[in-house]
Amino acid sequence: MNSVRRFLGLVWILLGPAALYYLVSTAVREISHKPFTETKVQWIVFIGVSLPIAAGLVLFGYYALRGEYDRDRA
């Protein structure tokens, strides 16, 4: 089970930046289609809220990969 936790740590580390990349690319595409102030503000808020979530995913994955969540069998 510990190896599964470490593997999933790697998945979380890769998922954070991938989600941000997808979000930013979608924002750029939507803003180019509708270049209004409301659209820009909406996507800035979405990215601003999602940035700490993605950073938390990366941090969580780092700790899982490092073995912080392993259970010792005594």
N, C-alpha and C. Protein backbone atom coordinates (compact mmCIF):
# COMPACT_ATOMS: atom_id res chain seq x y z
N MET A 1 0.82 -1.19 0.00
CA MET A 1 0.00 0.00 0.00
C MET A 1 0.87 1.26 0.00
N ASN A 2 2.02 1.18 0.65
CA ASN A 2 2.89 2.35 0.67
C ASN A 2 3.39 2.70 -0.73
N SER A 3 3.63 1.68 -1.55
CA SER A 3 4.10 1.96 -2.91
C SER A 3 2.98 2.62 -3.74
N VAL A 4 1.74 2.26 -3.46
CA VAL A 4 0.61 2.90 -4.14
C VAL A 4 0.54 4.38 -3.74
N ARG A 5 0.74 4.65 -2.46
CA ARG A 5 0.73 6.04 -1.99
C ARG A 5 1.83 6.85 -2.66
N ARG A 6 3.00 6.26 -2.79
CA ARG A 6 4.11 6.97 -3.42
C ARG A 6 3.85 7.18 -4.91
N PHE A 7 3.28 6.20 -5.58
CA PHE A 7 2.93 6.36 -6.99
C PHE A 7 1.89 7.46 -7.17
N LEU A 8 0.89 7.45 -6.30
CA LEU A 8 -0.14 8.49 -6.40
C LEU A 8 0.42 9.87 -6.06
N GLY A 9 1.47 9.91 -5.25
CA GLY A 9 2.15 11.17 -5.00
C GLY A 9 2.70 11.75 -6.29
N LEU A 10 3.29 10.90 -7.12
CA LEU A 10 3.79 11.35 -8.42
C LEU A 10 2.63 11.82 -9.30
N VAL A 11 1.52 11.12 -9.24
CA VAL A 11 0.34 11.52 -10.02
C VAL A 11 -0.14 12.90 -9.58
N TRP A 12 -0.19 13.16 -8.26
CA TRP A 12 -0.64 14.46 -7.77
C TRP A 12 0.33 15.56 -8.20
N ILE A 13 1.63 15.27 -8.15
CA ILE A 13 2.63 16.26 -8.56
C ILE A 13 2.43 16.64 -10.02
N LEU A 14 2.12 15.69 -10.86
CA LEU A 14 1.92 15.98 -12.28
C LEU A 14 0.55 16.58 -12.56
N LEU A 15 -0.42 16.27 -11.74
CA LEU A 15 -1.78 16.75 -11.96
C LEU A 15 -1.93 18.26 -11.70
N GLY A 16 -1.22 18.78 -10.72
CA GLY A 16 -1.32 20.21 -10.40
C GLY A 16 -0.94 21.11 -11.57
N PRO A 17 0.28 20.98 -12.11
CA PRO A 17 0.64 21.83 -13.25
C PRO A 17 -0.18 21.54 -14.51
N ALA A 18 -0.57 20.29 -14.70
CA ALA A 18 -1.38 19.95 -15.88
C ALA A 18 -2.74 20.64 -15.81
N ALA A 19 -3.33 20.66 -14.65
CA ALA A 19 -4.63 21.33 -14.48
C ALA A 19 -4.49 22.83 -14.70
N LEU A 20 -3.42 23.42 -14.19
CA LEU A 20 -3.21 24.85 -14.41
C LEU A 20 -2.97 25.17 -15.88
N TYR A 21 -2.21 24.33 -16.55
CA TYR A 21 -1.96 24.54 -17.98
C TYR A 21 -3.28 24.50 -18.76
N TYR A 22 -4.10 23.50 -18.46
CA TYR A 22 -5.39 23.39 -19.14
C TYR A 22 -6.26 24.60 -18.84
N LEU A 23 -6.27 25.05 -17.60
CA LEU A 23 -7.09 26.19 -17.20
C LEU A 23 -6.63 27.46 -17.90
N VAL A 24 -5.33 27.71 -17.92
CA VAL A 24 -4.81 28.92 -18.56
C VAL A 24 -5.03 28.89 -20.07
N SER A 25 -4.81 27.73 -20.68
CA SER A 25 -5.03 27.66 -22.13
C SER A 25 -6.51 27.87 -22.48
N THR A 26 -7.40 27.36 -21.66
CA THR A 26 -8.82 27.59 -21.87
C THR A 26 -9.16 29.07 -21.67
N ALA A 27 -8.55 29.69 -20.67
CA ALA A 27 -8.79 31.10 -20.42
C ALA A 27 -8.33 31.95 -21.59
N VAL A 28 -7.16 31.67 -22.11
CA VAL A 28 -6.65 32.43 -23.25
C VAL A 28 -7.57 32.27 -24.46
N ARG A 29 -8.02 31.05 -24.69
CA ARG A 29 -8.92 30.80 -25.82
C ARG A 29 -10.25 31.53 -25.65
N GLU A 30 -10.81 31.49 -24.45
CA GLU A 30 -12.10 32.15 -24.21
C GLU A 30 -11.97 33.67 -24.26
N ILE A 31 -10.88 34.20 -23.73
CA ILE A 31 -10.70 35.64 -23.76
C ILE A 31 -10.49 36.13 -25.19
N SER A 32 -9.82 35.34 -26.01
CA SER A 32 -9.62 35.76 -27.40
C SER A 32 -10.93 35.72 -28.19
N HIS A 33 -11.85 34.83 -27.80
CA HIS A 33 -13.15 34.78 -28.48
C HIS A 33 -14.08 35.90 -28.02
N LYS A 34 -14.04 36.20 -26.73
CA LYS A 34 -14.89 37.26 -26.17
C LYS A 34 -14.03 38.21 -25.34
N PRO A 35 -13.41 39.19 -25.97
CA PRO A 35 -12.48 40.07 -25.24
C PRO A 35 -13.17 41.20 -24.45
N PHE A 36 -14.09 40.84 -23.61
CA PHE A 36 -14.78 41.81 -22.78
C PHE A 36 -14.17 41.80 -21.38
N THR A 37 -14.38 42.87 -20.65
CA THR A 37 -13.84 42.99 -19.30
C THR A 37 -14.41 41.90 -18.38
N GLU A 38 -15.69 41.59 -18.54
CA GLU A 38 -16.32 40.58 -17.68
C GLU A 38 -15.65 39.22 -17.86
N THR A 39 -15.33 38.89 -19.10
CA THR A 39 -14.68 37.60 -19.37
C THR A 39 -13.29 37.56 -18.75
N LYS A 40 -12.56 38.65 -18.87
CA LYS A 40 -11.21 38.70 -18.31
C LYS A 40 -11.24 38.57 -16.79
N VAL A 41 -12.15 39.29 -16.15
CA VAL A 41 -12.25 39.23 -14.70
C VAL A 41 -12.66 37.83 -14.24
N GLN A 42 -13.59 37.23 -14.95
CA GLN A 42 -14.04 35.88 -14.61
C GLN A 42 -12.88 34.90 -14.64
N TRP A 43 -12.07 34.93 -15.69
CA TRP A 43 -10.97 33.97 -15.79
C TRP A 43 -9.84 34.28 -14.83
N ILE A 44 -9.62 35.55 -14.52
CA ILE A 44 -8.61 35.89 -13.52
C ILE A 44 -9.02 35.33 -12.16
N VAL A 45 -10.30 35.41 -11.84
CA VAL A 45 -10.79 34.85 -10.58
C VAL A 45 -10.64 33.33 -10.58
N PHE A 46 -11.01 32.67 -11.68
CA PHE A 46 -10.88 31.21 -11.77
C PHE A 46 -9.43 30.79 -11.56
N ILE A 47 -8.52 31.46 -12.22
CA ILE A 47 -7.11 31.10 -12.10
C ILE A 47 -6.59 31.42 -10.70
N GLY A 48 -7.02 32.55 -10.15
CA GLY A 48 -6.59 32.92 -8.80
C GLY A 48 -7.04 31.93 -7.74
N VAL A 49 -8.22 31.39 -7.90
CA VAL A 49 -8.72 30.40 -6.94
C VAL A 49 -8.06 29.05 -7.17
N SER A 50 -7.80 28.70 -8.42
CA SER A 50 -7.24 27.39 -8.72
C SER A 50 -5.75 27.28 -8.46
N LEU A 51 -5.05 28.39 -8.44
CA LEU A 51 -3.60 28.37 -8.23
C LEU A 51 -3.22 27.78 -6.87
N PRO A 52 -3.82 28.19 -5.74
CA PRO A 52 -3.46 27.56 -4.47
C PRO A 52 -3.89 26.10 -4.39
N ILE A 53 -4.97 25.75 -5.07
CA ILE A 53 -5.40 24.35 -5.08
C ILE A 53 -4.37 23.50 -5.79
N ALA A 54 -3.88 23.98 -6.93
CA ALA A 54 -2.85 23.24 -7.67
C ALA A 54 -1.56 23.16 -6.88
N ALA A 55 -1.20 24.25 -6.19
CA ALA A 55 0.01 24.22 -5.36
C ALA A 55 -0.16 23.22 -4.22
N GLY A 56 -1.34 23.14 -3.66
CA GLY A 56 -1.61 22.15 -2.61
C GLY A 56 -1.51 20.73 -3.13
N LEU A 57 -1.97 20.49 -4.35
CA LEU A 57 -1.83 19.16 -4.95
C LEU A 57 -0.36 18.77 -5.10
N VAL A 58 0.44 19.72 -5.57
CA VAL A 58 1.86 19.44 -5.74
C VAL A 58 2.52 19.17 -4.38
N LEU A 59 2.19 19.97 -3.39
CA LEU A 59 2.75 19.78 -2.06
C LEU A 59 2.31 18.45 -1.45
N PHE A 60 1.05 18.12 -1.59
CA PHE A 60 0.54 16.85 -1.10
C PHE A 60 1.24 15.68 -1.79
N GLY A 61 1.42 15.80 -3.11
CA GLY A 61 2.12 14.75 -3.86
C GLY A 61 3.57 14.63 -3.44
N TYR A 62 4.22 15.75 -3.17
CA TYR A 62 5.62 15.72 -2.72
C TYR A 62 5.74 14.96 -1.40
N TYR A 63 4.85 15.26 -0.47
CA TYR A 63 4.89 14.56 0.81
C TYR A 63 4.58 13.07 0.65
N ALA A 64 3.65 12.75 -0.22
CA ALA A 64 3.33 11.34 -0.45
C ALA A 64 4.50 10.62 -1.11
N LEU A 65 5.15 11.27 -2.06
CA LEU A 65 6.30 10.68 -2.74
C LEU A 65 7.47 10.51 -1.78
N ARG A 66 7.60 11.43 -0.85
CA ARG A 66 8.68 11.37 0.13
C ARG A 66 8.45 10.29 1.19
N GLY A 67 7.21 9.84 1.34
CA GLY A 67 6.91 8.78 2.29
C GLY A 67 6.36 9.27 3.60
N GLU A 68 5.87 10.50 3.64
CA GLU A 68 5.34 11.05 4.89
C GLU A 68 4.05 10.35 5.32
N TYR A 69 3.34 9.75 4.38
CA TYR A 69 2.07 9.11 4.71
C TYR A 69 2.19 7.59 4.83
N ASP A 70 3.41 7.07 4.79
CA ASP A 70 3.61 5.63 4.92
C ASP A 70 3.22 5.18 6.33
N ARG A 71 2.73 3.97 6.39
CA ARG A 71 2.40 3.39 7.69
C ARG A 71 3.46 2.36 8.05
N ASP A 72 4.04 2.54 9.22
CA ASP A 72 5.04 1.58 9.67
C ASP A 72 4.34 0.39 10.32
N ARG A 73 4.82 -0.78 10.01
CA ARG A 73 4.26 -1.99 10.61
C ARG A 73 5.17 -2.39 11.75
N ALA A 74 4.63 -2.39 12.95
CA ALA A 74 5.44 -2.71 14.13
C ALA A 74 5.01 -4.02 14.73
